[in-house]
Every structure is written in C-alpha cells, then in structure tokens.
Amino acid sequence: TLAVDVLTAGGRVSSSPAGISACTDTCSANFADTATVTLTATADAGGGFMGWGGDCAFRGTNLTCPLTMSADHNVTASFSLKAYRLNVAVNTPAGTSGQGGVARIGSVGLDCGPVGDGICSVDVAHGTRVFLQANIEPGNNFLNWTGGPCAGRTSPLCDFTMTANVSTTAL
C-alpha cells in the first residue's frame, strides 16, 4: 500500500502507474510487489511545491519521487498557495581559466553543483528567509554575487526574504 497525505493546500499528487489521481488530501492505493511507482507533485497556479516527507523525504523539492513497492510506503507532500521561484547558478567569471568547478551553493531544498551543472531552482514560500552559502572549492576564490538581492555582495553568504522571483549567480 502506498499512502499519500497532502499536508497543505496548493497542489496535488498523482502516481504512475495510475492509482493515485490528483490527491489533495489523504489518498492510498495498492500496487504490485516490486512495482516502481513514481509520484508527481503538481502545484496550483501561483503556488509552489515545498517538498516531500516520509518515504520521499530524500527527494526534497524534486517534483517526482520514484518508489519500489517492496514494502508499504507513507509519503507526505507540502505545497504553498503563494510561492516564488529561486534560481541560483554557479559560474566562472569571463576571462578566467583553469579554475574548474568554482563552488556549490547550498540552501534549504537546494544543492547547486559546480560549473556545468546549470541553474538550480526551487519553489520558496512567500515570506521565507533564504540563506545561500557558496562553498568554495580549494584553490578557488569567491568573487561576488550577481543578480537579485545578492547582487554586489562579496561574502559567500547571502540572506534575504522571498517576496518575488529571484535569480542570482555566484562567481
């Protein structure tokens, strides 16, 4: 048995294969032993997916959670009626070479990898305090943040409150 509990309004959870469909409260379904079931969280317009709990907690804010039905599973999902998108990137400044990966950016529900991994994104509820930490790899230097509320800051730590969509880059 796979049981899903949607803890907060603002979205729904469905499964593939079918069994749980647009769940907005508490739902459950039986699946065959060893079947792989993928849960998908879908936020309502203007809202955001805040994350998984229970047996999907390891997926954080990823919109999907695959589970193998080798045992019963209990999953929670949290949504926000009003959320903003936080986009974070790590980049090597123009004119530099040989630095390889510059850093990782960490925050609640966000782990943005070294250069080449692209932009990392997560939905964040309105009014949430965000702390971004650039973790510098040995031999590299943190220069500054560009874009968004972190723009121009030369400290690897940047904190702000989400009141709009934010895009920022660590150099």
Protein backbone atom coordinates (compact mmCIF):
# COMPACT_ATOMS: atom_id res chain seq x y z
CA THR A 1 0.00 0.00 0.00
CA LEU A 2 1.16 3.50 -0.86
CA ALA A 3 -0.40 6.21 1.32
CA VAL A 4 -0.10 9.91 0.43
CA ASP A 5 -1.01 12.78 2.75
CA VAL A 6 -1.07 16.26 1.21
CA LEU A 7 -0.33 18.43 4.24
CA THR A 8 -1.10 21.88 2.84
CA ALA A 9 -3.40 23.26 0.17
CA GLY A 10 -1.95 24.46 -3.09
CA GLY A 11 -1.38 21.36 -5.18
CA ARG A 12 -1.98 17.68 -5.84
CA VAL A 13 -0.14 14.38 -6.14
CA SER A 14 -0.66 11.69 -8.78
CA SER A 15 1.04 8.37 -9.48
CA SER A 16 2.32 6.48 -12.47
CA PRO A 17 1.13 3.82 -12.93
CA ALA A 18 -2.36 5.06 -12.14
CA GLY A 19 -3.75 4.52 -8.66
CA ILE A 20 -3.40 7.90 -7.01
CA SER A 21 -5.00 10.66 -9.04
CA ALA A 22 -4.96 14.39 -8.22
CA CYS A 23 -4.79 13.71 -4.48
CA THR A 24 -5.35 16.90 -2.45
CA ASP A 25 -5.92 15.37 1.00
CA THR A 26 -5.26 11.75 2.04
CA CYS A 27 -5.14 9.00 -0.59
CA SER A 28 -3.88 5.44 -0.85
CA ALA A 29 -3.60 2.72 -3.45
CA ASN A 30 -2.31 -0.83 -3.67
CA PHE A 31 0.43 -1.65 -6.16
CA ALA A 32 2.06 -4.96 -7.06
CA ASP A 33 5.13 -6.06 -5.09
CA THR A 34 8.37 -4.82 -6.70
CA ALA A 35 6.45 -2.34 -8.92
CA THR A 36 8.13 1.03 -9.39
CA VAL A 37 5.66 3.81 -8.69
CA THR A 38 6.51 7.42 -9.46
CA LEU A 39 4.66 10.13 -7.57
CA THR A 40 4.41 13.54 -9.21
CA ALA A 41 3.63 16.77 -7.35
CA THR A 42 1.82 19.49 -9.27
CA ALA A 43 1.38 22.94 -7.72
CA ASP A 44 -1.69 25.06 -8.40
CA ALA A 45 -1.24 28.22 -10.48
CA GLY A 46 0.68 30.83 -8.46
CA GLY A 47 1.63 28.27 -5.83
CA GLY A 48 4.66 26.13 -5.34
CA PHE A 49 5.78 22.69 -4.25
CA MET A 50 7.56 22.93 -0.89
CA GLY A 51 8.75 19.34 -0.61
CA TRP A 52 8.25 15.69 0.20
CA GLY A 53 8.25 13.99 3.57
CA GLY A 54 8.06 10.44 4.83
CA ASP A 55 9.45 7.84 2.44
CA CYS A 56 10.05 10.53 -0.22
CA ALA A 57 11.91 12.94 2.08
CA PHE A 58 15.16 12.03 0.28
CA ARG A 59 13.75 13.75 -2.86
CA GLY A 60 13.46 17.19 -1.22
CA THR A 61 11.72 19.56 -3.61
CA ASN A 62 12.09 17.44 -6.74
CA LEU A 63 8.68 17.22 -8.39
CA THR A 64 8.88 13.42 -8.75
CA CYS A 65 9.54 10.62 -6.31
CA PRO A 66 10.12 7.04 -7.54
CA LEU A 67 9.43 4.26 -5.04
CA THR A 68 9.84 0.49 -5.30
CA MET A 69 6.91 -1.29 -3.72
CA SER A 70 8.92 -3.78 -1.65
CA ALA A 71 7.02 -2.61 1.46
CA ASP A 72 4.24 -0.23 2.44
CA HIS A 73 5.14 3.42 1.92
CA ASN A 74 3.86 6.58 3.63
CA VAL A 75 4.53 9.88 1.90
CA THR A 76 3.66 13.49 2.66
CA ALA A 77 3.65 16.44 0.26
CA SER A 78 3.58 20.14 1.11
CA PHE A 79 2.54 23.00 -1.13
CA SER A 80 2.27 26.76 -0.79
CA LEU A 81 -0.58 28.83 -2.14
CA LYS A 82 1.83 31.65 -2.94
CA ALA A 83 5.38 30.80 -3.87
CA TYR A 84 8.24 32.26 -5.80
CA ARG A 85 10.93 30.65 -7.90
CA LEU A 86 14.53 30.87 -6.68
CA ASN A 87 17.07 30.32 -9.49
CA VAL A 88 20.71 30.02 -8.47
CA ALA A 89 23.74 29.45 -10.70
CA VAL A 90 27.46 28.98 -10.17
CA ASN A 91 29.72 30.43 -12.83
CA THR A 92 33.36 31.13 -13.63
CA PRO A 93 33.87 34.83 -14.45
CA ALA A 94 34.76 35.83 -18.01
CA GLY A 95 38.50 35.99 -18.63
CA THR A 96 39.40 33.34 -16.07
CA SER A 97 40.59 29.90 -16.94
CA GLY A 98 41.73 26.71 -15.31
CA GLN A 99 39.64 27.07 -12.19
CA GLY A 100 37.40 24.08 -12.81
CA GLY A 101 34.40 23.94 -10.52
CA VAL A 102 34.05 27.13 -8.55
CA ALA A 103 31.69 26.19 -5.74
CA ARG A 104 28.48 24.63 -4.57
CA ILE A 105 25.53 26.69 -3.41
CA GLY A 106 23.54 25.31 -0.54
CA SER A 107 20.23 26.34 0.99
CA VAL A 108 17.12 24.59 2.28
CA GLY A 109 16.00 22.29 -0.54
CA LEU A 110 18.76 23.46 -2.87
CA ASP A 111 22.13 21.99 -3.75
CA CYS A 112 23.60 23.67 -6.81
CA GLY A 113 26.68 21.97 -8.16
CA PRO A 114 29.87 23.16 -9.78
CA VAL A 115 30.10 24.95 -13.12
CA GLY A 116 28.46 22.95 -15.88
CA ASP A 117 25.54 21.76 -13.79
CA GLY A 118 23.40 24.69 -14.97
CA ILE A 119 20.86 26.65 -13.00
CA CYS A 120 19.36 25.16 -9.87
CA SER A 121 15.79 26.06 -9.00
CA VAL A 122 13.40 25.60 -6.11
CA ASP A 123 9.98 27.00 -5.15
CA VAL A 124 10.05 29.01 -1.93
CA ALA A 125 7.01 30.17 0.02
CA HIS A 126 6.31 33.89 0.25
CA GLY A 127 7.99 35.44 3.29
CA THR A 128 10.54 32.64 3.76
CA ARG A 129 14.02 33.73 4.85
CA VAL A 130 16.58 32.25 2.43
CA PHE A 131 20.25 31.70 3.29
CA LEU A 132 22.52 30.93 0.34
CA GLN A 133 26.03 29.69 1.11
CA ALA A 134 28.70 29.42 -1.59
CA ASN A 135 31.09 26.66 -0.53
CA ILE A 136 34.38 27.45 -2.23
CA GLU A 137 36.48 24.60 -3.58
CA PRO A 138 40.17 24.53 -2.53
CA GLY A 139 42.34 26.73 -4.72
CA ASN A 140 39.46 28.96 -5.81
CA ASN A 141 38.19 32.33 -4.62
CA PHE A 142 34.68 33.62 -4.24
CA LEU A 143 34.34 36.95 -6.08
CA ASN A 144 30.76 38.14 -5.68
CA TRP A 145 27.09 37.55 -6.37
CA THR A 146 25.37 38.96 -9.46
CA GLY A 147 21.63 39.50 -9.91
CA GLY A 148 18.78 39.58 -7.44
CA PRO A 149 19.02 40.67 -3.82
CA CYS A 150 22.56 39.25 -3.54
CA ALA A 151 23.97 41.43 -6.36
CA GLY A 152 27.31 43.01 -5.49
CA ARG A 153 27.78 41.16 -2.20
CA THR A 154 31.33 39.88 -1.78
CA SER A 155 30.57 37.49 1.08
CA PRO A 156 29.86 33.85 0.18
CA LEU A 157 26.80 34.07 2.46
CA CYS A 158 23.71 35.88 1.21
CA ASP A 159 20.41 36.02 3.05
CA PHE A 160 17.11 37.63 2.07
CA THR A 161 13.34 37.20 2.37
CA MET A 162 11.39 35.84 -0.62
CA THR A 163 8.88 38.42 -1.82
CA ALA A 164 9.33 37.87 -5.60
CA ASN A 165 11.01 35.50 -8.06
CA VAL A 166 14.81 35.65 -7.62
CA SER A 167 17.70 34.78 -9.94
CA THR A 168 21.29 35.10 -8.69
CA THR A 169 24.72 33.80 -9.69
CA ALA A 170 27.79 33.08 -7.58
CA LEU A 171 31.08 33.98 -9.26
